């Protein structure tokens, strides 16, 4: 079974020794897809916090949907954490477009193992 997929591929900057490219899918099975930017600051725990930023995975346009997301925090207090999850459903805006809310708990890390809480809204 073949599924038509369209998108854009960008050449890497060759900083990765395994050589990679970034693929941005713009439609899947003839349905347009989109993604959102997200960023924020974790909760303040054990005397520090972390910053994070990323882009959600693509999802279909024009239908009820969520997005998966994954990123790694900044290095603070000598360590970093992973952030991953699934956004809430699309929240329509009055004019056009939508955004998603997200929240969760980071992975466990640090010399004194701990987590941080995070939450926010994606870009439109």
PDB file of N, CA and C in Angstrom:
ATOM      1  N   UNK A   1       0.836  -1.175   0.000  1.00  0.00           N
ATOM      2  CA  UNK A   1       0.000   0.000   0.000  1.00  0.00           C
ATOM      3  C   UNK A   1       0.883   1.241   0.000  1.00  0.00           C
ATOM      4  N   UNK A   2       0.650   2.133  -0.914  1.00  0.00           N
ATOM      5  CA  UNK A   2       1.416   3.374  -0.986  1.00  0.00           C
ATOM      6  C   UNK A   2       0.573   4.532  -0.498  1.00  0.00           C
ATOM      7  N   UNK A   3       1.184   5.393   0.310  1.00  0.00           N
ATOM      8  CA  UNK A   3       0.523   6.597   0.807  1.00  0.00           C
ATOM      9  C   UNK A   3       1.286   7.794   0.255  1.00  0.00           C
ATOM     10  N   UNK A   4       0.618   8.677  -0.484  1.00  0.00           N
ATOM     11  CA  UNK A   4       1.328   9.840  -1.016  1.00  0.00           C
ATOM     12  C   UNK A   4       1.707  10.811   0.096  1.00  0.00           C
ATOM     13  N   UNK A   5       2.982  11.196   0.122  1.00  0.00           N
ATOM     14  CA  UNK A   5       3.509  12.131   1.114  1.00  0.00           C
ATOM     15  C   UNK A   5       4.263  13.215   0.369  1.00  0.00           C
ATOM     16  N   UNK A   6       4.019  14.480   0.744  1.00  0.00           N
ATOM     17  CA  UNK A   6       4.787  15.581   0.163  1.00  0.00           C
ATOM     18  C   UNK A   6       5.498  16.305   1.291  1.00  0.00           C
ATOM     19  N   UNK A   7       6.587  16.965   0.973  1.00  0.00           N
ATOM     20  CA  UNK A   7       7.330  17.689   1.994  1.00  0.00           C
ATOM     21  C   UNK A   7       8.576  18.324   1.434  1.00  0.00           C
ATOM     22  N   UNK A   8       9.389  18.820   2.334  1.00  0.00           N
ATOM     23  CA  UNK A   8      10.635  19.494   1.992  1.00  0.00           C
ATOM     24  C   UNK A   8      11.772  18.845   2.758  1.00  0.00           C
ATOM     25  N   UNK A   9      12.919  18.676   2.108  1.00  0.00           N
ATOM     26  CA  UNK A   9      14.078  18.128   2.781  1.00  0.00           C
ATOM     27  C   UNK A   9      15.177  19.176   2.744  1.00  0.00           C
ATOM     28  N   UNK A  10      15.781  19.423   3.919  1.00  0.00           N
ATOM     29  CA  UNK A  10      16.847  20.399   4.030  1.00  0.00           C
ATOM     30  C   UNK A  10      18.156  19.680   4.305  1.00  0.00           C
ATOM     31  N   UNK A  11      19.204  20.120   3.628  1.00  0.00           N
ATOM     32  CA  UNK A  11      20.531  19.554   3.814  1.00  0.00           C
ATOM     33  C   UNK A  11      21.029  19.911   5.208  1.00  0.00           C
ATOM     34  N   UNK A  12      21.733  18.990   5.852  1.00  0.00           N
ATOM     35  CA  UNK A  12      22.275  19.264   7.175  1.00  0.00           C
ATOM     36  C   UNK A  12      23.455  20.220   7.064  1.00  0.00           C
ATOM     37  N   UNK A  13      23.865  20.731   8.218  1.00  0.00           N
ATOM     38  CA  UNK A  13      25.045  21.603   8.230  1.00  0.00           C
ATOM     39  C   UNK A  13      26.332  20.795   8.393  1.00  0.00           C
ATOM     40  N   UNK A  14      26.208  19.472   8.293  1.00  0.00           N
ATOM     41  CA  UNK A  14      27.334  18.533   8.389  1.00  0.00           C
ATOM     42  C   UNK A  14      27.997  18.518   9.761  1.00  0.00           C
ATOM     43  N   UNK A  15      27.343  19.075  10.797  1.00  0.00           N
ATOM     44  CA  UNK A  15      27.915  19.017  12.138  1.00  0.00           C
ATOM     45  C   UNK A  15      27.672  17.641  12.776  1.00  0.00           C
ATOM     46  N   UNK A  16      26.737  16.886  12.234  1.00  0.00           N
ATOM     47  CA  UNK A  16      26.438  15.551  12.752  1.00  0.00           C
ATOM     48  C   UNK A  16      27.319  14.543  12.022  1.00  0.00           C
ATOM     49  N   UNK A  17      28.156  13.789  12.754  1.00  0.00           N
ATOM     50  CA  UNK A  17      29.053  12.839  12.074  1.00  0.00           C
ATOM     51  C   UNK A  17      28.309  11.738  11.324  1.00  0.00           C
ATOM     52  N   UNK A  18      27.035  11.500  11.648  1.00  0.00           N
ATOM     53  CA  UNK A  18      26.255  10.489  10.932  1.00  0.00           C
ATOM     54  C   UNK A  18      25.583  11.057   9.696  1.00  0.00           C
ATOM     55  N   UNK A  19      25.722  12.349   9.460  1.00  0.00           N
ATOM     56  CA  UNK A  19      25.152  13.056   8.319  1.00  0.00           C
ATOM     57  C   UNK A  19      23.645  12.835   8.233  1.00  0.00           C
ATOM     58  N   UNK A  20      22.903  13.876   8.485  1.00  0.00           N
ATOM     59  CA  UNK A  20      21.447  13.761   8.458  1.00  0.00           C
ATOM     60  C   UNK A  20      20.828  14.918   7.698  1.00  0.00           C
ATOM     61  N   UNK A  21      19.580  14.759   7.377  1.00  0.00           N
ATOM     62  CA  UNK A  21      18.788  15.798   6.729  1.00  0.00           C
ATOM     63  C   UNK A  21      17.527  15.996   7.555  1.00  0.00           C
ATOM     64  N   UNK A  22      16.926  17.168   7.460  1.00  0.00           N
ATOM     65  CA  UNK A  22      15.656  17.415   8.125  1.00  0.00           C
ATOM     66  C   UNK A  22      14.557  17.330   7.087  1.00  0.00           C
ATOM     67  N   UNK A  23      13.526  16.548   7.401  1.00  0.00           N
ATOM     68  CA  UNK A  23      12.393  16.376   6.508  1.00  0.00           C
ATOM     69  C   UNK A  23      11.174  17.029   7.144  1.00  0.00           C
ATOM     70  N   UNK A  24      10.531  17.922   6.419  1.00  0.00           N
ATOM     71  CA  UNK A  24       9.318  18.576   6.872  1.00  0.00           C
ATOM     72  C   UNK A  24       8.174  18.100   5.984  1.00  0.00           C
ATOM     73  N   UNK A  25       7.291  17.285   6.553  1.00  0.00           N
ATOM     74  CA  UNK A  25       6.160  16.750   5.799  1.00  0.00           C
ATOM     75  C   UNK A  25       5.077  17.822   5.725  1.00  0.00           C
ATOM     76  N   UNK A  26       4.572  18.077   4.526  1.00  0.00           N
ATOM     77  CA  UNK A  26       3.519  19.083   4.351  1.00  0.00           C
ATOM     78  C   UNK A  26       2.159  18.473   4.068  1.00  0.00           C
ATOM     79  N   UNK A  27       2.117  17.217   3.606  1.00  0.00           N
ATOM     80  CA  UNK A  27       0.834  16.522   3.469  1.00  0.00           C
ATOM     81  C   UNK A  27       1.056  15.021   3.588  1.00  0.00           C
ATOM     82  N   UNK A  28       0.062  14.357   4.123  1.00  0.00           N
ATOM     83  CA  UNK A  28       0.093  12.906   4.304  1.00  0.00           C
ATOM     84  C   UNK A  28      -1.202  12.360   3.747  1.00  0.00           C
ATOM     85  N   UNK A  29      -1.127  11.519   2.746  1.00  0.00           N
ATOM     86  CA  UNK A  29      -2.311  10.962   2.105  1.00  0.00           C
ATOM     87  C   UNK A  29      -3.235  12.085   1.623  1.00  0.00           C
ATOM     88  N   UNK A  30      -2.638  13.130   1.049  1.00  0.00           N
ATOM     89  CA  UNK A  30      -3.314  14.299   0.474  1.00  0.00           C
ATOM     90  C   UNK A  30      -3.974  15.214   1.509  1.00  0.00           C
ATOM     91  N   UNK A  31      -3.740  15.004   2.807  1.00  0.00           N
ATOM     92  CA  UNK A  31      -4.273  15.882   3.853  1.00  0.00           C
ATOM     93  C   UNK A  31      -3.130  16.776   4.337  1.00  0.00           C
ATOM     94  N   UNK A  32      -3.282  18.119   4.286  1.00  0.00           N
ATOM     95  CA  UNK A  32      -2.210  19.010   4.767  1.00  0.00           C
ATOM     96  C   UNK A  32      -1.917  18.764   6.248  1.00  0.00           C
ATOM     97  N   UNK A  33      -0.648  18.878   6.619  1.00  0.00           N
ATOM     98  CA  UNK A  33      -0.233  18.739   8.011  1.00  0.00           C
ATOM     99  C   UNK A  33       0.454  20.020   8.469  1.00  0.00           C
ATOM    100  N   UNK A  34       0.569  20.184   9.769  1.00  0.00           N
ATOM    101  CA  UNK A  34       1.226  21.360  10.321  1.00  0.00           C
ATOM    102  C   UNK A  34       1.866  20.997  11.654  1.00  0.00           C
ATOM    103  N   UNK A  35       2.707  21.880  12.179  1.00  0.00           N
ATOM    104  CA  UNK A  35       3.328  21.694  13.489  1.00  0.00           C
ATOM    105  C   UNK A  35       3.330  23.038  14.206  1.00  0.00           C
ATOM    106  N   UNK A  36       3.717  23.028  15.476  1.00  0.00           N
ATOM    107  CA  UNK A  36       3.746  24.239  16.300  1.00  0.00           C
ATOM    108  C   UNK A  36       5.088  24.338  17.017  1.00  0.00           C
ATOM    109  N   UNK A  37       5.498  25.549  17.303  1.00  0.00           N
ATOM    110  CA  UNK A  37       6.659  25.784  18.155  1.00  0.00           C
ATOM    111  C   UNK A  37       6.185  25.764  19.602  1.00  0.00           C
ATOM    112  N   UNK A  38       7.065  25.364  20.520  1.00  0.00           N
ATOM    113  CA  UNK A  38       6.754  25.458  21.943  1.00  0.00           C
ATOM    114  C   UNK A  38       8.033  25.797  22.702  1.00  0.00           C
ATOM    115  N   UNK A  39       7.877  26.462  23.828  1.00  0.00           N
ATOM    116  CA  UNK A  39       9.030  26.842  24.651  1.00  0.00           C
ATOM    117  C   UNK A  39       8.565  27.174  26.048  1.00  0.00           C
ATOM    118  N   UNK A  40       9.488  27.194  26.988  1.00  0.00           N
ATOM    119  CA  UNK A  40       9.124  27.551  28.343  1.00  0.00           C
ATOM    120  C   UNK A  40      10.262  27.357  29.317  1.00  0.00           C
ATOM    121  N   UNK A  41       9.912  27.449  30.597  1.00  0.00           N
ATOM    122  CA  UNK A  41      10.852  27.291  31.696  1.00  0.00           C
ATOM    123  C   UNK A  41      10.224  26.311  32.686  1.00  0.00           C
ATOM    124  N   UNK A  42      11.006  25.370  33.166  1.00  0.00           N
ATOM    125  CA  UNK A  42      10.497  24.377  34.110  1.00  0.00           C
ATOM    126  C   UNK A  42      10.265  25.007  35.484  1.00  0.00           C
ATOM    127  N   UNK A  43       9.674  24.223  36.372  1.00  0.00           N
ATOM    128  CA  UNK A  43       9.516  24.635  37.767  1.00  0.00           C
ATOM    129  C   UNK A  43      10.895  24.778  38.417  1.00  0.00           C
ATOM    130  N   UNK A  44      10.937  25.545  39.494  1.00  0.00           N
ATOM    131  CA  UNK A  44      12.167  25.777  40.249  1.00  0.00           C
ATOM    132  C   UNK A  44      12.254  24.706  41.335  1.00  0.00           C
ATOM    133  N   UNK A  45      13.199  23.789  41.191  1.00  0.00           N
ATOM    134  CA  UNK A  45      13.364  22.696  42.147  1.00  0.00           C
ATOM    135  C   UNK A  45      14.837  22.515  42.464  1.00  0.00           C
ATOM    136  N   UNK A  46      15.158  22.225  43.703  1.00  0.00           N
ATOM    137  CA  UNK A  46      16.535  22.003  44.152  1.00  0.00           C
ATOM    138  C   UNK A  46      17.462  23.148  43.745  1.00  0.00           C
ATOM    139  N   UNK A  47      16.944  24.374  43.777  1.00  0.00           N
ATOM    140  CA  UNK A  47      17.764  25.558  43.528  1.00  0.00           C
ATOM    141  C   UNK A  47      18.008  25.925  42.081  1.00  0.00           C
ATOM    142  N   UNK A  48      17.295  25.325  41.152  1.00  0.00           N
ATOM    143  CA  UNK A  48      17.509  25.674  39.742  1.00  0.00           C
ATOM    144  C   UNK A  48      16.265  25.370  38.916  1.00  0.00           C
ATOM    145  N   UNK A  49      16.278  25.843  37.689  1.00  0.00           N
ATOM    146  CA  UNK A  49      15.249  25.546  36.692  1.00  0.00           C
ATOM    147  C   UNK A  49      15.930  25.382  35.345  1.00  0.00           C
ATOM    148  N   UNK A  50      15.186  24.933  34.349  1.00  0.00           N
ATOM    149  CA  UNK A  50      15.728  24.715  33.007  1.00  0.00           C
ATOM    150  C   UNK A  50      14.846  25.400  31.969  1.00  0.00           C
ATOM    151  N   UNK A  51      15.445  25.800  30.862  1.00  0.00           N
ATOM    152  CA  UNK A  51      14.696  26.321  29.718  1.00  0.00           C
ATOM    153  C   UNK A  51      14.564  25.201  28.695  1.00  0.00           C
ATOM    154  N   UNK A  52      13.532  25.302  27.856  1.00  0.00           N
ATOM    155  CA  UNK A  52      13.344  24.309  26.802  1.00  0.00           C
ATOM    156  C   UNK A  52      12.639  24.956  25.620  1.00  0.00           C
ATOM    157  N   UNK A  53      12.824  24.373  24.447  1.00  0.00           N
ATOM    158  CA  UNK A  53      12.167  24.840  23.217  1.00  0.00           C
ATOM    159  C   UNK A  53      12.176  23.697  22.213  1.00  0.00           C
ATOM    160  N   UNK A  54      11.178  23.691  21.327  1.00  0.00           N
ATOM    161  CA  UNK A  54      11.127  22.650  20.313  1.00  0.00           C
ATOM    162  C   UNK A  54       9.994  22.874  19.336  1.00  0.00           C
ATOM    163  N   UNK A  55       9.794  21.891  18.473  1.00  0.00           N
ATOM    164  CA  UNK A  55       8.724  21.891  17.480  1.00  0.00           C
ATOM    165  C   UNK A  55       7.967  20.586  17.613  1.00  0.00           C
ATOM    166  N   UNK A  56       6.642  20.661  17.608  1.00  0.00           N
ATOM    167  CA  UNK A  56       5.830  19.452  17.707  1.00  0.00           C
ATOM    168  C   UNK A  56       5.974  18.619  16.441  1.00  0.00           C
ATOM    169  N   UNK A  57       5.567  17.367  16.528  1.00  0.00           N
ATOM    170  CA  UNK A  57       5.490  16.542  15.328  1.00  0.00           C
ATOM    171  C   UNK A  57       4.311  17.003  14.489  1.00  0.00           C
ATOM    172  N   UNK A  58       4.334  16.777  13.189  1.00  0.00           N
ATOM    173  CA  UNK A  58       3.224  17.189  12.324  1.00  0.00           C
ATOM    174  C   UNK A  58       1.928  16.458  12.676  1.00  0.00           C
ATOM    175  N   UNK A  59       0.817  17.121  12.392  1.00  0.00           N
ATOM    176  CA  UNK A  59      -0.516  16.526  12.570  1.00  0.00           C
ATOM    177  C   UNK A  59      -1.411  17.064  11.457  1.00  0.00           C
ATOM    178  N   UNK A  60      -2.536  16.406  11.176  1.00  0.00           N
ATOM    179  CA  UNK A  60      -3.428  16.842  10.096  1.00  0.00           C
ATOM    180  C   UNK A  60      -4.039  18.217  10.367  1.00  0.00           C
ATOM    181  N   UNK A  61      -4.289  18.946   9.316  1.00  0.00           N
ATOM    182  CA  UNK A  61      -4.930  20.249   9.396  1.00  0.00           C
ATOM    183  C   UNK A  61      -6.429  20.090   9.172  1.00  0.00           C
ATOM    184  N   UNK A  62      -7.232  20.873   9.904  1.00  0.00           N
ATOM    185  CA  UNK A  62      -8.665  20.916   9.646  1.00  0.00           C
ATOM    186  C   UNK A  62      -9.490  19.830  10.295  1.00  0.00           C
ATOM    187  N   UNK A  63      -8.883  18.993  11.142  1.00  0.00           N
ATOM    188  CA  UNK A  63      -9.630  17.942  11.848  1.00  0.00           C
ATOM    189  C   UNK A  63      -9.197  17.971  13.315  1.00  0.00           C
ATOM    190  N   UNK A  64     -10.009  17.428  14.235  1.00  0.00           N
ATOM    191  CA  UNK A  64      -9.572  17.359  15.638  1.00  0.00           C
ATOM    192  C   UNK A  64      -8.260  16.581  15.731  1.00  0.00           C
ATOM    193  N   UNK A  65      -7.293  17.106  16.478  1.00  0.00           N
ATOM    194  CA  UNK A  65      -5.983  16.470  16.538  1.00  0.00           C
ATOM    195  C   UNK A  65      -5.200  16.909  17.762  1.00  0.00           C
ATOM    196  N   UNK A  66      -4.127  16.185  18.043  1.00  0.00           N
ATOM    197  CA  UNK A  66      -3.121  16.496  19.051  1.00  0.00           C
ATOM    198  C   UNK A  66      -1.772  16.378  18.371  1.00  0.00           C
ATOM    199  N   UNK A  67      -0.725  16.816  19.053  1.00  0.00           N
ATOM    200  CA  UNK A  67       0.634  16.676  18.533  1.00  0.00           C
ATOM    201  C   UNK A  67       1.511  16.012  19.586  1.00  0.00           C
ATOM    202  N   UNK A  68       2.409  15.136  19.153  1.00  0.00           N
ATOM    203  CA  UNK A  68       3.441  14.629  20.050  1.00  0.00           C
ATOM    204  C   UNK A  68       4.579  15.640  20.059  1.00  0.00           C
ATOM    205  N   UNK A  69       5.305  15.703  21.172  1.00  0.00           N
ATOM    206  CA  UNK A  69       6.449  16.607  21.257  1.00  0.00           C
ATOM    207  C   UNK A  69       7.571  15.952  22.054  1.00  0.00           C
ATOM    208  N   UNK A  70       8.789  16.400  21.785  1.00  0.00           N
ATOM    209  CA  UNK A  70       9.971  15.905  22.479  1.00  0.00           C
ATOM    210  C   UNK A  70      11.055  16.966  22.381  1.00  0.00           C
ATOM    211  N   UNK A  71      11.750  17.214  23.468  1.00  0.00           N
ATOM    212  CA  UNK A  71      12.915  18.088  23.449  1.00  0.00           C
ATOM    213  C   UNK A  71      13.777  17.797  24.659  1.00  0.00           C
ATOM    214  N   UNK A  72      14.917  18.428  24.724  1.00  0.00           N
ATOM    215  CA  UNK A  72      15.835  18.302  25.846  1.00  0.00           C
ATOM    216  C   UNK A  72      16.021  19.695  26.436  1.00  0.00           C
ATOM    217  N   UNK A  73      16.069  19.801  27.756  1.00  0.00           N
ATOM    218  CA  UNK A  73      16.203  21.099  28.410  1.00  0.00           C
ATOM    219  C   UNK A  73      17.629  21.631  28.285  1.00  0.00           C
ATOM    220  N   UNK A  74      17.790  22.887  28.689  1.00  0.00           N
ATOM    221  CA  UNK A  74      19.116  23.482  28.812  1.00  0.00           C
ATOM    222  C   UNK A  74      19.876  22.769  29.938  1.00  0.00           C
ATOM    223  N   UNK A  75      21.198  22.900  29.909  1.00  0.00           N
ATOM    224  CA  UNK A  75      22.028  22.332  30.976  1.00  0.00           C
ATOM    225  C   UNK A  75      22.092  23.362  32.094  1.00  0.00           C
ATOM    226  N   UNK A  76      21.573  23.003  33.248  1.00  0.00           N
ATOM    227  CA  UNK A  76      21.631  23.849  34.435  1.00  0.00           C
ATOM    228  C   UNK A  76      21.966  22.954  35.610  1.00  0.00           C
ATOM    229  N   UNK A  77      22.767  23.447  36.536  1.00  0.00           N
ATOM    230  CA  UNK A  77      23.210  22.675  37.693  1.00  0.00           C
ATOM    231  C   UNK A  77      23.910  21.389  37.231  1.00  0.00           C
ATOM    232  N   UNK A  78      24.560  21.442  36.056  1.00  0.00           N
ATOM    233  CA  UNK A  78      25.359  20.330  35.561  1.00  0.00           C
ATOM    234  C   UNK A  78      24.603  19.180  34.919  1.00  0.00           C
ATOM    235  N   UNK A  79      23.339  19.375  34.598  1.00  0.00           N
ATOM    236  CA  UNK A  79      22.571  18.288  33.982  1.00  0.00           C
ATOM    237  C   UNK A  79      21.432  18.848  33.139  1.00  0.00           C
ATOM    238  N   UNK A  80      20.769  17.970  32.417  1.00  0.00           N
ATOM    239  CA  UNK A  80      19.591  18.318  31.611  1.00  0.00           C
ATOM    240  C   UNK A  80      18.537  17.243  31.792  1.00  0.00           C
ATOM    241  N   UNK A  81      17.320  17.511  31.297  1.00  0.00           N
ATOM    242  CA  UNK A  81      16.209  16.571  31.374  1.00  0.00           C
ATOM    243  C   UNK A  81      15.559  16.442  30.004  1.00  0.00           C
ATOM    244  N   UNK A  82      14.858  15.350  29.786  1.00  0.00           N
ATOM    245  CA  UNK A  82      14.043  15.180  28.586  1.00  0.00           C
ATOM    246  C   UNK A  82      12.616  15.603  28.897  1.00  0.00           C
ATOM    247  N   UNK A  83      11.989  16.184  27.900  1.00  0.00           N
ATOM    248  CA  UNK A  83      10.578  16.576  27.978  1.00  0.00           C
ATOM    249  C   UNK A  83       9.890  15.909  26.805  1.00  0.00           C
ATOM    250  N   UNK A  84       8.784  15.202  27.062  1.00  0.00           N
ATOM    251  CA  UNK A  84       8.038  14.584  25.970  1.00  0.00           C
ATOM    252  C   UNK A  84       6.603  14.359  26.396  1.00  0.00           C
ATOM    253  N   UNK A  85       5.718  14.295  25.411  1.00  0.00           N
ATOM    254  CA  UNK A  85       4.316  14.049  25.704  1.00  0.00           C
ATOM    255  C   UNK A  85       3.445  14.288  24.490  1.00  0.00           C
ATOM    256  N   UNK A  86       2.168  14.475  24.745  1.00  0.00           N
ATOM    257  CA  UNK A  86       1.172  14.749  23.715  1.00  0.00           C
ATOM    258  C   UNK A  86       0.395  15.989  24.142  1.00  0.00           C
ATOM    259  N   UNK A  87       0.243  16.930  23.236  1.00  0.00           N
ATOM    260  CA  UNK A  87      -0.501  18.151  23.556  1.00  0.00           C
ATOM    261  C   UNK A  87      -1.970  17.827  23.797  1.00  0.00           C
ATOM    262  N   UNK A  88      -2.671  18.781  24.361  1.00  0.00           N
ATOM    263  CA  UNK A  88      -4.117  18.691  24.443  1.00  0.00           C
ATOM    264  C   UNK A  88      -4.705  18.946  23.069  1.00  0.00           C
ATOM    265  N   UNK A  89      -6.033  18.892  22.951  1.00  0.00           N
ATOM    266  CA  UNK A  89      -6.678  19.128  21.656  1.00  0.00           C
ATOM    267  C   UNK A  89      -6.519  20.582  21.208  1.00  0.00           C
ATOM    268  N   UNK A  90      -6.764  20.820  19.934  1.00  0.00           N
ATOM    269  CA  UNK A  90      -6.665  22.164  19.371  1.00  0.00           C
ATOM    270  C   UNK A  90      -7.678  23.088  20.034  1.00  0.00           C
ATOM    271  N   UNK A  91      -7.239  24.299  20.387  1.00  0.00           N
ATOM    272  CA  UNK A  91      -8.108  25.334  20.962  1.00  0.00           C
ATOM    273  C   UNK A  91      -8.229  26.430  19.910  1.00  0.00           C
ATOM    274  N   UNK A  92      -9.417  26.592  19.311  1.00  0.00           N
ATOM    275  CA  UNK A  92      -9.577  27.572  18.228  1.00  0.00           C
ATOM    276  C   UNK A  92      -9.382  29.003  18.716  1.00  0.00           C
ATOM    277  N   UNK A  93      -8.849  29.851  17.840  1.00  0.00           N
ATOM    278  CA  UNK A  93      -8.724  31.285  18.102  1.00  0.00           C
ATOM    279  C   UNK A  93      -9.850  32.015  17.382  1.00  0.00           C
ATOM    280  N   UNK A  94     -10.255  33.194  17.871  1.00  0.00           N
ATOM    281  CA  UNK A  94     -11.409  33.895  17.297  1.00  0.00           C
ATOM    282  C   UNK A  94     -11.251  34.220  15.808  1.00  0.00           C
ATOM    283  N   UNK A  95     -10.067  34.625  15.395  1.00  0.00           N
ATOM    284  CA  UNK A  95      -9.876  35.032  13.999  1.00  0.00           C
ATOM    285  C   UNK A  95      -9.611  33.830  13.098  1.00  0.00           C
ATOM    286  N   UNK A  96      -8.470  33.217  13.289  1.00  0.00           N
ATOM    287  CA  UNK A  96      -8.093  32.047  12.488  1.00  0.00           C
ATOM    288  C   UNK A  96      -6.989  31.302  13.224  1.00  0.00           C
ATOM    289  N   UNK A  97      -6.918  30.024  13.031  1.00  0.00           N
ATOM    290  CA  UNK A  97      -5.862  29.227  13.637  1.00  0.00           C
ATOM    291  C   UNK A  97      -6.257  28.646  14.978  1.00  0.00           C
ATOM    292  N   UNK A  98      -5.279  28.058  15.642  1.00  0.00           N
ATOM    293  CA  UNK A  98      -5.496  27.419  16.931  1.00  0.00           C
ATOM    294  C   UNK A  98      -4.160  27.244  17.629  1.00  0.00           C
ATOM    295  N   UNK A  99      -4.224  26.848  18.891  1.00  0.00           N
ATOM    296  CA  UNK A  99      -3.040  26.506  19.662  1.00  0.00           C
ATOM    297  C   UNK A  99      -3.370  25.271  20.504  1.00  0.00           C
ATOM    298  N   UNK A 100      -2.367  24.746  21.183  1.00  0.00           N
ATOM    299  CA  UNK A 100      -2.532  23.581  22.051  1.00  0.00           C
ATOM    300  C   UNK A 100      -1.893  23.874  23.403  1.00  0.00           C
ATOM    301  N   UNK A 101      -2.455  23.316  24.452  1.00  0.00           N
ATOM    302  CA  UNK A 101      -1.825  23.380  25.762  1.00  0.00           C
ATOM    303  C   UNK A 101      -1.056  22.086  25.991  1.00  0.00           C
ATOM    304  N   UNK A 102       0.013  22.172  26.792  1.00  0.00           N
ATOM    305  CA  UNK A 102       0.798  20.988  27.125  1.00  0.00           C
ATOM    306  C   UNK A 102       1.284  21.108  28.562  1.00  0.00           C
ATOM    307  N   UNK A 103       1.520  19.992  29.190  1.00  0.00           N
ATOM    308  CA  UNK A 103       2.054  19.968  30.559  1.00  0.00           C
ATOM    309  C   UNK A 103       2.604  18.589  30.857  1.00  0.00           C
ATOM    310  N   UNK A 104       3.507  18.534  31.827  1.00  0.00           N
ATOM    311  CA  UNK A 104       4.049  17.243  32.190  1.00  0.00           C
ATOM    312  C   UNK A 104       5.160  17.349  33.205  1.00  0.00           C
ATOM    313  N   UNK A 105       5.879  16.257  33.349  1.00  0.00           N
ATOM    314  CA  UNK A 105       6.998  16.130  34.273  1.00  0.00           C
ATOM    315  C   UNK A 105       8.209  15.687  33.466  1.00  0.00           C
ATOM    316  N   UNK A 106       9.351  16.299  33.718  1.00  0.00           N
ATOM    317  CA  UNK A 106      10.574  15.944  32.993  1.00  0.00           C
ATOM    318  C   UNK A 106      11.057  14.553  33.404  1.00  0.00           C
ATOM    319  N   UNK A 107      12.038  14.059  32.685  1.00  0.00           N
ATOM    320  CA  UNK A 107      12.708  12.823  33.074  1.00  0.00           C
ATOM    321  C   UNK A 107      13.493  13.075  34.365  1.00  0.00           C
ATOM    322  N   UNK A 108      13.880  12.004  35.026  1.00  0.00           N
ATOM    323  CA  UNK A 108      14.674  12.092  36.255  1.00  0.00           C
ATOM    324  C   UNK A 108      16.137  12.246  35.867  1.00  0.00           C
ATOM    325  N   UNK A 109      16.834  13.202  36.508  1.00  0.00           N
ATOM    326  CA  UNK A 109      18.254  13.381  36.245  1.00  0.00           C
ATOM    327  C   UNK A 109      18.859  14.226  37.366  1.00  0.00           C
ATOM    328  N   UNK A 110      20.176  14.410  37.339  1.00  0.00           N
ATOM    329  CA  UNK A 110      20.888  15.252  38.294  1.00  0.00           C
ATOM    330  C   UNK A 110      21.666  14.447  39.315  1.00  0.00           C
ATOM    331  N   UNK A 111      22.659  15.099  39.948  1.00  0.00           N
ATOM    332  CA  UNK A 111      23.455  14.454  40.989  1.00  0.00           C
ATOM    333  C   UNK A 111      22.555  14.005  42.138  1.00  0.00           C
ATOM    334  N   UNK A 112      21.560  14.813  42.439  1.00  0.00           N
ATOM    335  CA  UNK A 112      20.497  14.443  43.372  1.00  0.00           C
ATOM    336  C   UNK A 112      19.274  14.191  42.488  1.00  0.00           C
ATOM    337  N   UNK A 113      18.998  12.954  42.100  1.00  0.00           N
ATOM    338  CA  UNK A 113      17.960  12.670  41.097  1.00  0.00           C
ATOM    339  C   UNK A 113      16.623  13.339  41.422  1.00  0.00           C
ATOM    340  N   UNK A 114      16.090  14.034  40.426  1.00  0.00           N
ATOM    341  CA  UNK A 114      14.850  14.795  40.612  1.00  0.00           C
ATOM    342  C   UNK A 114      14.186  15.053  39.265  1.00  0.00           C
ATOM    343  N   UNK A 115      12.986  15.599  39.301  1.00  0.00           N
ATOM    344  CA  UNK A 115      12.251  16.003  38.105  1.00  0.00           C
ATOM    345  C   UNK A 115      11.836  17.466  38.263  1.00  0.00           C
ATOM    346  N   UNK A 116      11.284  18.030  37.174  1.00  0.00           N
ATOM    347  CA  UNK A 116      10.698  19.367  37.169  1.00  0.00           C
ATOM    348  C   UNK A 116       9.346  19.273  36.495  1.00  0.00           C
ATOM    349  N   UNK A 117       8.458  20.171  36.831  1.00  0.00           N
ATOM    350  CA  UNK A 117       7.160  20.298  36.151  1.00  0.00           C
ATOM    351  C   UNK A 117       7.303  21.338  35.052  1.00  0.00           C
ATOM    352  N   UNK A 118       6.498  21.206  34.013  1.00  0.00           N
ATOM    353  CA  UNK A 118       6.481  22.209  32.949  1.00  0.00           C
ATOM    354  C   UNK A 118       5.061  22.288  32.388  1.00  0.00           C
ATOM    355  N   UNK A 119       4.721  23.418  31.798  1.00  0.00           N
ATOM    356  CA  UNK A 119       3.433  23.595  31.138  1.00  0.00           C
ATOM    357  C   UNK A 119       3.505  24.827  30.249  1.00  0.00           C
ATOM    358  N   UNK A 120       2.594  24.909  29.299  1.00  0.00           N
ATOM    359  CA  UNK A 120       2.568  26.054  28.414  1.00  0.00           C
ATOM    360  C   UNK A 120       1.577  25.895  27.293  1.00  0.00           C
ATOM    361  N   UNK A 121       1.694  26.798  26.320  1.00  0.00           N
ATOM    362  CA  UNK A 121       0.864  26.791  25.118  1.00  0.00           C
ATOM    363  C   UNK A 121       1.771  26.830  23.914  1.00  0.00           C
ATOM    364  N   UNK A 122       1.386  26.114  22.865  1.00  0.00           N
ATOM    365  CA  UNK A 122       2.168  26.141  21.626  1.00  0.00           C
ATOM    366  C   UNK A 122       1.918  27.449  20.891  1.00  0.00           C
ATOM    367  N   UNK A 123       2.701  27.692  19.876  1.00  0.00           N
ATOM    368  CA  UNK A 123       2.444  28.812  18.969  1.00  0.00           C
ATOM    369  C   UNK A 123       1.178  28.498  18.180  1.00  0.00           C
ATOM    370  N   UNK A 124       0.643  29.500  17.494  1.00  0.00           N
ATOM    371  CA  UNK A 124      -0.566  29.277  16.687  1.00  0.00           C
ATOM    372  C   UNK A 124      -0.196  28.657  15.366  1.00  0.00           C
TER     373      UNK A 124
END
